Amino acid sequence: MIVFDLCCAAGEHRFEAWFASSDSFADQQARGLIACPVCGDAEVKKAVMAPRVGAKSNQAVAAPAAPPANAAEPSPELVRKVLAEIAAKQAEMLPQSRWVGRDFAAAARAMHEGRAAEDLIHGQASPEEARDLHDDGIAAMPLLVPIVPPDAAH
């Protein structure tokens, strides 16, 4: 597995994603399967990142640095504002995708393998199903704000 720092075309949003290999990233990028989780922009590129170099086997690993003592916690108002913005963006994006319910993992796998037309989908997957999709290099990510399935809405 390899982790890349990615950013949307505008460079405004930076995020991290895991891939089976560099070729897996290139394939998913070419097929438009990678999108910014904040704005949904499908023009995603690798961001500049520092390499992860492991410690020598004969050296102890240094403990991570503690956050600065003057690092302020975000205010409740800021947290509410950011969560509201995430929820609004997600609500804007969901109507553009198709609800597949508990068939999410099977539908995502079928699209990845070329057995079904590519489409934007959302649904439900168990942690094991999500892990299997990830391990197979299939792009999927959790919704940041929980939703009520359409068949459960009143």
Protein backbone atom coordinates (compact mmCIF):
# COMPACT_ATOMS: atom_id res chain seq x y z
CA MET A 1 0.00 0.00 0.00
CA ILE A 2 1.09 3.55 -0.69
CA VAL A 3 -0.29 6.81 0.68
CA PHE A 4 -0.38 10.00 -1.35
CA ASP A 5 -1.15 13.55 -0.32
CA LEU A 6 -3.63 14.82 -2.92
CA CYS A 7 -5.27 18.15 -3.67
CA CYS A 8 -8.08 19.34 -5.91
CA ALA A 9 -7.23 21.28 -9.08
CA ALA A 10 -7.67 24.63 -7.38
CA GLY A 11 -5.28 23.47 -4.65
CA GLU A 12 -7.64 24.65 -1.96
CA HIS A 13 -8.28 21.28 -0.34
CA ARG A 14 -5.57 18.82 0.62
CA PHE A 15 -6.31 15.24 1.63
CA GLU A 16 -4.66 11.84 1.95
CA ALA A 17 -5.57 8.63 0.11
CA TRP A 18 -4.21 5.08 0.10
CA PHE A 19 -3.64 3.03 -3.06
CA ALA A 20 -2.41 -0.46 -3.82
CA SER A 21 0.35 1.03 -5.97
CA SER A 22 1.33 4.09 -8.01
CA ASP A 23 -0.23 2.36 -11.03
CA SER A 24 -3.49 1.94 -9.10
CA PHE A 25 -3.54 5.68 -8.39
CA ALA A 26 -2.84 6.50 -12.06
CA ASP A 27 -5.57 4.12 -13.23
CA GLN A 28 -8.17 5.50 -10.82
CA GLN A 29 -7.18 9.08 -11.65
CA ALA A 30 -7.47 8.41 -15.40
CA ARG A 31 -10.93 6.91 -14.93
CA GLY A 32 -12.11 9.87 -12.82
CA LEU A 33 -12.69 7.74 -9.73
CA ILE A 34 -10.85 10.04 -7.34
CA ALA A 35 -12.56 13.20 -6.14
CA CYS A 36 -11.88 15.83 -3.50
CA PRO A 37 -13.88 14.86 -0.38
CA VAL A 38 -14.55 18.53 0.38
CA CYS A 39 -15.62 20.04 -2.95
CA GLY A 40 -16.09 16.95 -5.14
CA ASP A 41 -13.63 18.17 -7.79
CA ALA A 42 -12.54 15.16 -9.88
CA GLU A 43 -9.41 16.96 -11.12
CA VAL A 44 -7.21 15.64 -8.34
CA LYS A 45 -3.42 15.72 -8.45
CA LYS A 46 -0.61 14.62 -6.16
CA ALA A 47 0.44 17.28 -3.69
CA VAL A 48 4.02 17.84 -2.63
CA MET A 49 4.73 15.62 0.34
CA ALA A 50 7.64 14.64 2.54
CA PRO A 51 8.77 11.04 2.16
CA ARG A 52 8.14 8.66 5.03
CA VAL A 53 11.51 7.27 5.98
CA GLY A 54 11.61 4.59 8.65
CA ALA A 55 14.12 4.65 11.48
CA LYS A 56 17.14 2.38 11.28
CA SER A 57 16.55 -0.92 12.98
CA ASN A 58 19.29 -0.20 15.51
CA GLN A 59 17.84 3.16 16.57
CA ALA A 60 14.94 3.95 18.84
CA VAL A 61 11.95 5.71 17.36
CA ALA A 62 11.44 9.21 18.77
CA ALA A 63 8.13 9.93 20.41
CA PRO A 64 5.86 12.26 18.44
CA ALA A 65 6.12 15.89 19.43
CA ALA A 66 3.39 17.16 21.71
CA PRO A 67 1.18 19.92 20.34
CA PRO A 68 2.27 23.40 21.36
CA ALA A 69 0.95 24.47 24.73
CA ASN A 70 -0.58 27.59 23.17
CA ALA A 71 -2.52 25.60 20.50
CA ALA A 72 -6.10 26.69 21.00
CA GLU A 73 -9.04 24.34 20.63
CA PRO A 74 -11.42 25.43 17.89
CA SER A 75 -14.41 27.30 19.20
CA PRO A 76 -17.78 25.50 19.27
CA GLU A 77 -19.06 28.07 16.78
CA LEU A 78 -16.26 27.25 14.34
CA VAL A 79 -16.87 23.51 14.72
CA ARG A 80 -20.62 24.00 14.09
CA LYS A 81 -19.87 26.17 11.04
CA VAL A 82 -17.45 23.65 9.51
CA LEU A 83 -19.83 20.73 10.15
CA ALA A 84 -22.70 22.69 8.61
CA GLU A 85 -20.58 23.41 5.52
CA ILE A 86 -19.66 19.72 5.20
CA ALA A 87 -23.29 18.68 5.59
CA ALA A 88 -24.42 21.27 3.00
CA LYS A 89 -21.82 20.12 0.44
CA GLN A 90 -22.72 16.49 1.02
CA ALA A 91 -26.44 17.27 0.64
CA GLU A 92 -25.61 19.05 -2.63
CA MET A 93 -23.63 16.06 -3.94
CA LEU A 94 -25.94 13.18 -2.92
CA PRO A 95 -28.71 13.89 -5.47
CA GLN A 96 -26.06 13.45 -8.18
CA SER A 97 -25.43 9.86 -7.07
CA ARG A 98 -27.63 6.75 -6.97
CA TRP A 99 -28.61 5.00 -3.72
CA VAL A 100 -27.69 1.28 -3.90
CA GLY A 101 -28.35 0.38 -0.26
CA ARG A 102 -26.65 -2.73 1.10
CA ASP A 103 -25.44 -3.58 -2.44
CA PHE A 104 -22.79 -0.84 -2.29
CA ALA A 105 -19.73 -3.14 -2.15
CA ALA A 106 -21.03 -5.38 -4.96
CA ALA A 107 -21.97 -2.38 -7.14
CA ALA A 108 -18.60 -0.67 -6.60
CA ARG A 109 -16.76 -3.90 -7.39
CA ALA A 110 -18.84 -4.49 -10.55
CA MET A 111 -18.01 -0.98 -11.82
CA HIS A 112 -14.32 -1.42 -10.96
CA GLU A 113 -14.18 -4.73 -12.84
CA GLY A 114 -16.04 -3.34 -15.87
CA ARG A 115 -19.14 -5.52 -15.36
CA ALA A 116 -21.32 -2.44 -14.82
CA ALA A 117 -21.30 1.08 -16.22
CA GLU A 118 -19.45 3.58 -14.04
CA ASP A 119 -21.80 5.72 -12.00
CA LEU A 120 -21.74 7.80 -8.83
CA ILE A 121 -23.26 5.67 -6.07
CA HIS A 122 -23.78 5.76 -2.34
CA GLY A 123 -25.05 3.11 0.04
CA GLN A 124 -24.07 0.97 2.99
CA ALA A 125 -21.09 -1.33 3.51
CA SER A 126 -19.84 -3.22 6.53
CA PRO A 127 -16.36 -2.38 7.83
CA GLU A 128 -15.11 -5.69 6.35
CA GLU A 129 -16.62 -4.89 2.92
CA ALA A 130 -15.07 -1.40 2.99
CA ARG A 131 -11.69 -2.86 3.96
CA ASP A 132 -11.91 -5.42 1.11
CA LEU A 133 -12.74 -2.66 -1.40
CA HIS A 134 -9.79 -0.63 -0.13
CA ASP A 135 -7.43 -3.63 -0.25
CA ASP A 136 -8.46 -4.26 -3.88
CA GLY A 137 -7.75 -0.64 -4.88
CA ILE A 138 -11.41 0.26 -5.32
CA ALA A 139 -12.10 3.90 -4.48
CA ALA A 140 -14.74 4.29 -1.77
CA MET A 141 -15.03 6.59 1.19
CA PRO A 142 -17.47 7.07 4.04
CA LEU A 143 -19.95 9.90 3.99
CA LEU A 144 -18.85 12.47 6.54
CA VAL A 145 -22.40 13.21 7.72
CA PRO A 146 -24.76 10.27 8.34
CA ILE A 147 -27.84 10.11 6.11
CA VAL A 148 -31.23 8.43 6.38
CA PRO A 149 -31.62 5.79 3.65
CA PRO A 150 -34.37 6.76 1.20
CA ASP A 151 -36.46 3.69 2.06
CA ALA A 152 -36.37 4.63 5.77
CA ALA A 153 -37.37 8.30 5.30
CA HIS A 154 -40.94 9.25 6.20
